[in-house]
Amino acid sequence: MKTKIPETQLSPEEKAAYDAWFRAQVQASLDDPRPSVSNEEAKRLMAAKREKIKKAISP
């Protein structure tokens, strides 16, 4: 998920809260015991999902 937050619009408290949230997300990912998926495998899986969605919405 890409979220760009203009830092100029955040208070120091909001910046600290965002930083803490972001660091927790990274740590949770690092701590995840599931095996990693290669970039090639992730691309293959997403292509299959996209194809399934296209088939479901096309007339």
PDB file of N, CA and C in Angstrom:
ATOM      1  N   MET A   1       0.852  -1.169   0.000  1.00  0.00           N
ATOM      2  CA  MET A   1       0.000   0.000   0.000  1.00  0.00           C
ATOM      3  C   MET A   1       0.898   1.233   0.000  1.00  0.00           C
ATOM      4  N   LYS A   2       0.669   2.094  -0.956  1.00  0.00           N
ATOM      5  CA  LYS A   2       1.462   3.312  -1.022  1.00  0.00           C
ATOM      6  C   LYS A   2       0.612   4.471  -0.532  1.00  0.00           C
ATOM      7  N   THR A   3       1.096   5.137   0.486  1.00  0.00           N
ATOM      8  CA  THR A   3       0.402   6.297   1.021  1.00  0.00           C
ATOM      9  C   THR A   3       1.419   7.402   1.159  1.00  0.00           C
ATOM     10  N   LYS A   4       1.194   8.488   0.450  1.00  0.00           N
ATOM     11  CA  LYS A   4       2.098   9.623   0.565  1.00  0.00           C
ATOM     12  C   LYS A   4       1.411  10.674   1.421  1.00  0.00           C
ATOM     13  N   ILE A   5       2.054  11.021   2.496  1.00  0.00           N
ATOM     14  CA  ILE A   5       1.507  12.024   3.401  1.00  0.00           C
ATOM     15  C   ILE A   5       2.406  13.250   3.345  1.00  0.00           C
ATOM     16  N   PRO A   6       1.862  14.381   2.942  1.00  0.00           N
ATOM     17  CA  PRO A   6       2.671  15.604   2.934  1.00  0.00           C
ATOM     18  C   PRO A   6       3.093  15.955   4.355  1.00  0.00           C
ATOM     19  N   GLU A   7       4.379  15.876   4.620  1.00  0.00           N
ATOM     20  CA  GLU A   7       4.867  16.103   5.973  1.00  0.00           C
ATOM     21  C   GLU A   7       4.564  17.504   6.488  1.00  0.00           C
ATOM     22  N   THR A   8       4.434  18.456   5.590  1.00  0.00           N
ATOM     23  CA  THR A   8       4.183  19.827   6.021  1.00  0.00           C
ATOM     24  C   THR A   8       2.806  19.985   6.637  1.00  0.00           C
ATOM     25  N   GLN A   9       1.906  19.023   6.381  1.00  0.00           N
ATOM     26  CA  GLN A   9       0.553  19.123   6.908  1.00  0.00           C
ATOM     27  C   GLN A   9       0.376  18.365   8.221  1.00  0.00           C
ATOM     28  N   LEU A  10       1.442  17.761   8.715  1.00  0.00           N
ATOM     29  CA  LEU A  10       1.335  16.966   9.935  1.00  0.00           C
ATOM     30  C   LEU A  10       1.950  17.700  11.121  1.00  0.00           C
ATOM     31  N   SER A  11       1.282  17.546  12.245  1.00  0.00           N
ATOM     32  CA  SER A  11       1.833  18.091  13.479  1.00  0.00           C
ATOM     33  C   SER A  11       2.957  17.166  13.943  1.00  0.00           C
ATOM     34  N   PRO A  12       3.804  17.624  14.864  1.00  0.00           N
ATOM     35  CA  PRO A  12       4.857  16.738  15.388  1.00  0.00           C
ATOM     36  C   PRO A  12       4.283  15.457  16.003  1.00  0.00           C
ATOM     37  N   GLU A  13       3.134  15.557  16.652  1.00  0.00           N
ATOM     38  CA  GLU A  13       2.509  14.377  17.243  1.00  0.00           C
ATOM     39  C   GLU A  13       2.041  13.403  16.159  1.00  0.00           C
ATOM     40  N   GLU A  14       1.468  13.942  15.074  1.00  0.00           N
ATOM     41  CA  GLU A  14       1.018  13.101  13.971  1.00  0.00           C
ATOM     42  C   GLU A  14       2.205  12.435  13.273  1.00  0.00           C
ATOM     43  N   LYS A  15       3.296  13.184  13.110  1.00  0.00           N
ATOM     44  CA  LYS A  15       4.503  12.607  12.510  1.00  0.00           C
ATOM     45  C   LYS A  15       5.025  11.462  13.362  1.00  0.00           C
ATOM     46  N   ALA A  16       5.053  11.636  14.670  1.00  0.00           N
ATOM     47  CA  ALA A  16       5.537  10.592  15.573  1.00  0.00           C
ATOM     48  C   ALA A  16       4.617   9.378  15.530  1.00  0.00           C
ATOM     49  N   ALA A  17       3.315   9.610  15.490  1.00  0.00           N
ATOM     50  CA  ALA A  17       2.357   8.507  15.438  1.00  0.00           C
ATOM     51  C   ALA A  17       2.500   7.738  14.125  1.00  0.00           C
ATOM     52  N   TYR A  18       2.652   8.456  13.029  1.00  0.00           N
ATOM     53  CA  TYR A  18       2.826   7.795  11.737  1.00  0.00           C
ATOM     54  C   TYR A  18       4.120   6.996  11.714  1.00  0.00           C
ATOM     55  N   ASP A  19       5.189   7.576  12.229  1.00  0.00           N
ATOM     56  CA  ASP A  19       6.472   6.886  12.270  1.00  0.00           C
ATOM     57  C   ASP A  19       6.369   5.597  13.092  1.00  0.00           C
ATOM     58  N   ALA A  20       5.696   5.668  14.232  1.00  0.00           N
ATOM     59  CA  ALA A  20       5.523   4.486  15.078  1.00  0.00           C
ATOM     60  C   ALA A  20       4.696   3.427  14.347  1.00  0.00           C
ATOM     61  N   TRP A  21       3.628   3.848  13.686  1.00  0.00           N
ATOM     62  CA  TRP A  21       2.790   2.912  12.932  1.00  0.00           C
ATOM     63  C   TRP A  21       3.598   2.254  11.823  1.00  0.00           C
ATOM     64  N   PHE A  22       4.353   3.062  11.070  1.00  0.00           N
ATOM     65  CA  PHE A  22       5.135   2.544   9.951  1.00  0.00           C
ATOM     66  C   PHE A  22       6.176   1.537  10.439  1.00  0.00           C
ATOM     67  N   ARG A  23       6.884   1.881  11.506  1.00  0.00           N
ATOM     68  CA  ARG A  23       7.895   0.973  12.054  1.00  0.00           C
ATOM     69  C   ARG A  23       7.254  -0.332  12.537  1.00  0.00           C
ATOM     70  N   ALA A  24       6.076  -0.257  13.119  1.00  0.00           N
ATOM     71  CA  ALA A  24       5.377  -1.460  13.573  1.00  0.00           C
ATOM     72  C   ALA A  24       4.993  -2.341  12.381  1.00  0.00           C
ATOM     73  N   GLN A  25       4.570  -1.723  11.268  1.00  0.00           N
ATOM     74  CA  GLN A  25       4.229  -2.479  10.072  1.00  0.00           C
ATOM     75  C   GLN A  25       5.447  -3.199   9.514  1.00  0.00           C
ATOM     76  N   VAL A  26       6.574  -2.510   9.474  1.00  0.00           N
ATOM     77  CA  VAL A  26       7.812  -3.117   8.979  1.00  0.00           C
ATOM     78  C   VAL A  26       8.228  -4.265   9.892  1.00  0.00           C
ATOM     79  N   GLN A  27       8.180  -4.049  11.198  1.00  0.00           N
ATOM     80  CA  GLN A  27       8.579  -5.097  12.131  1.00  0.00           C
ATOM     81  C   GLN A  27       7.654  -6.302  12.030  1.00  0.00           C
ATOM     82  N   ALA A  28       6.365  -6.066  11.874  1.00  0.00           N
ATOM     83  CA  ALA A  28       5.419  -7.173  11.731  1.00  0.00           C
ATOM     84  C   ALA A  28       5.754  -7.997  10.483  1.00  0.00           C
ATOM     85  N   SER A  29       6.142  -7.327   9.428  1.00  0.00           N
ATOM     86  CA  SER A  29       6.520  -8.032   8.205  1.00  0.00           C
ATOM     87  C   SER A  29       7.793  -8.840   8.424  1.00  0.00           C
ATOM     88  N   LEU A  30       8.761  -8.255   9.091  1.00  0.00           N
ATOM     89  CA  LEU A  30      10.013  -8.967   9.368  1.00  0.00           C
ATOM     90  C   LEU A  30       9.786 -10.172  10.276  1.00  0.00           C
ATOM     91  N   ASP A  31       8.845 -10.057  11.205  1.00  0.00           N
ATOM     92  CA  ASP A  31       8.567 -11.128  12.165  1.00  0.00           C
ATOM     93  C   ASP A  31       7.643 -12.212  11.607  1.00  0.00           C
ATOM     94  N   ASP A  32       7.028 -11.973  10.458  1.00  0.00           N
ATOM     95  CA  ASP A  32       6.073 -12.923   9.881  1.00  0.00           C
ATOM     96  C   ASP A  32       6.776 -14.253   9.597  1.00  0.00           C
ATOM     97  N   PRO A  33       6.282 -15.346  10.186  1.00  0.00           N
ATOM     98  CA  PRO A  33       6.958 -16.629  10.010  1.00  0.00           C
ATOM     99  C   PRO A  33       6.686 -17.310   8.668  1.00  0.00           C
ATOM    100  N   ARG A  34       5.737 -16.786   7.914  1.00  0.00           N
ATOM    101  CA  ARG A  34       5.438 -17.418   6.630  1.00  0.00           C
ATOM    102  C   ARG A  34       6.628 -17.270   5.681  1.00  0.00           C
ATOM    103  N   PRO A  35       6.813 -18.240   4.792  1.00  0.00           N
ATOM    104  CA  PRO A  35       7.943 -18.151   3.852  1.00  0.00           C
ATOM    105  C   PRO A  35       7.755 -16.973   2.896  1.00  0.00           C
ATOM    106  N   SER A  36       8.856 -16.412   2.474  1.00  0.00           N
ATOM    107  CA  SER A  36       8.826 -15.296   1.525  1.00  0.00           C
ATOM    108  C   SER A  36       8.381 -15.796   0.157  1.00  0.00           C
ATOM    109  N   VAL A  37       7.849 -14.880  -0.625  1.00  0.00           N
ATOM    110  CA  VAL A  37       7.447 -15.180  -1.989  1.00  0.00           C
ATOM    111  C   VAL A  37       8.351 -14.367  -2.903  1.00  0.00           C
ATOM    112  N   SER A  38       8.903 -15.020  -3.918  1.00  0.00           N
ATOM    113  CA  SER A  38       9.782 -14.305  -4.847  1.00  0.00           C
ATOM    114  C   SER A  38       8.981 -13.284  -5.652  1.00  0.00           C
ATOM    115  N   ASN A  39       9.672 -12.321  -6.209  1.00  0.00           N
ATOM    116  CA  ASN A  39       9.022 -11.302  -7.028  1.00  0.00           C
ATOM    117  C   ASN A  39       8.335 -11.954  -8.228  1.00  0.00           C
ATOM    118  N   GLU A  40       8.994 -12.920  -8.835  1.00  0.00           N
ATOM    119  CA  GLU A  40       8.415 -13.598  -9.993  1.00  0.00           C
ATOM    120  C   GLU A  40       7.128 -14.326  -9.622  1.00  0.00           C
ATOM    121  N   GLU A  41       7.136 -15.015  -8.472  1.00  0.00           N
ATOM    122  CA  GLU A  41       5.945 -15.728  -8.021  1.00  0.00           C
ATOM    123  C   GLU A  41       4.814 -14.747  -7.691  1.00  0.00           C
ATOM    124  N   ALA A  42       5.157 -13.630  -7.046  1.00  0.00           N
ATOM    125  CA  ALA A  42       4.140 -12.624  -6.720  1.00  0.00           C
ATOM    126  C   ALA A  42       3.521 -12.056  -7.997  1.00  0.00           C
ATOM    127  N   LYS A  43       4.353 -11.788  -8.999  1.00  0.00           N
ATOM    128  CA  LYS A  43       3.830 -11.282 -10.271  1.00  0.00           C
ATOM    129  C   LYS A  43       2.915 -12.304 -10.927  1.00  0.00           C
ATOM    130  N   ARG A  44       3.292 -13.596 -10.876  1.00  0.00           N
ATOM    131  CA  ARG A  44       2.472 -14.650 -11.470  1.00  0.00           C
ATOM    132  C   ARG A  44       1.124 -14.748 -10.764  1.00  0.00           C
ATOM    133  N   LEU A  45       1.157 -14.703  -9.437  1.00  0.00           N
ATOM    134  CA  LEU A  45      -0.087 -14.787  -8.661  1.00  0.00           C
ATOM    135  C   LEU A  45      -1.007 -13.600  -8.944  1.00  0.00           C
ATOM    136  N   MET A  46      -0.433 -12.403  -9.023  1.00  0.00           N
ATOM    137  CA  MET A  46      -1.246 -11.213  -9.285  1.00  0.00           C
ATOM    138  C   MET A  46      -1.805 -11.230 -10.709  1.00  0.00           C
ATOM    139  N   ALA A  47      -1.023 -11.721 -11.667  1.00  0.00           N
ATOM    140  CA  ALA A  47      -1.518 -11.816 -13.043  1.00  0.00           C
ATOM    141  C   ALA A  47      -2.710 -12.768 -13.101  1.00  0.00           C
ATOM    142  N   ALA A  48      -2.631 -13.866 -12.373  1.00  0.00           N
ATOM    143  CA  ALA A  48      -3.744 -14.816 -12.338  1.00  0.00           C
ATOM    144  C   ALA A  48      -4.976 -14.177 -11.698  1.00  0.00           C
ATOM    145  N   LYS A  49      -4.776 -13.407 -10.620  1.00  0.00           N
ATOM    146  CA  LYS A  49      -5.910 -12.720  -9.983  1.00  0.00           C
ATOM    147  C   LYS A  49      -6.545 -11.713 -10.930  1.00  0.00           C
ATOM    148  N   ARG A  50      -5.704 -10.935 -11.625  1.00  0.00           N
ATOM    149  CA  ARG A  50      -6.225  -9.942 -12.568  1.00  0.00           C
ATOM    150  C   ARG A  50      -7.031 -10.612 -13.668  1.00  0.00           C
ATOM    151  N   GLU A  51      -6.526 -11.725 -14.181  1.00  0.00           N
ATOM    152  CA  GLU A  51      -7.227 -12.444 -15.241  1.00  0.00           C
ATOM    153  C   GLU A  51      -8.573 -12.966 -14.745  1.00  0.00           C
ATOM    154  N   LYS A  52      -8.617 -13.483 -13.545  1.00  0.00           N
ATOM    155  CA  LYS A  52      -9.871 -13.982 -12.975  1.00  0.00           C
ATOM    156  C   LYS A  52     -10.888 -12.848 -12.832  1.00  0.00           C
ATOM    157  N   ILE A  53     -10.422 -11.679 -12.377  1.00  0.00           N
ATOM    158  CA  ILE A  53     -11.320 -10.519 -12.225  1.00  0.00           C
ATOM    159  C   ILE A  53     -11.816 -10.053 -13.590  1.00  0.00           C
ATOM    160  N   LYS A  54     -10.923  -9.993 -14.579  1.00  0.00           N
ATOM    161  CA  LYS A  54     -11.329  -9.569 -15.930  1.00  0.00           C
ATOM    162  C   LYS A  54     -12.423 -10.490 -16.466  1.00  0.00           C
ATOM    163  N   LYS A  55     -12.238 -11.783 -16.274  1.00  0.00           N
ATOM    164  CA  LYS A  55     -13.239 -12.745 -16.766  1.00  0.00           C
ATOM    165  C   LYS A  55     -14.570 -12.568 -16.036  1.00  0.00           C
ATOM    166  N   ALA A  56     -14.513 -12.248 -14.758  1.00  0.00           N
ATOM    167  CA  ALA A  56     -15.731 -12.107 -13.964  1.00  0.00           C
ATOM    168  C   ALA A  56     -16.519 -10.854 -14.337  1.00  0.00           C
ATOM    169  N   ILE A  57     -15.833  -9.801 -14.785  1.00  0.00           N
ATOM    170  CA  ILE A  57     -16.553  -8.546 -15.081  1.00  0.00           C
ATOM    171  C   ILE A  57     -16.834  -8.335 -16.555  1.00  0.00           C
ATOM    172  N   SER A  58     -16.221  -9.147 -17.438  1.00  0.00           N
ATOM    173  CA  SER A  58     -16.488  -8.931 -18.849  1.00  0.00           C
ATOM    174  C   SER A  58     -17.800  -9.603 -19.257  1.00  0.00           C
ATOM    175  N   PRO A  59     -18.522  -8.946 -20.185  1.00  0.00           N
ATOM    176  CA  PRO A  59     -19.854  -9.447 -20.585  1.00  0.00           C
ATOM    177  C   PRO A  59     -19.795 -10.739 -21.371  1.00  0.00           C
TER     178      PRO A  59
END
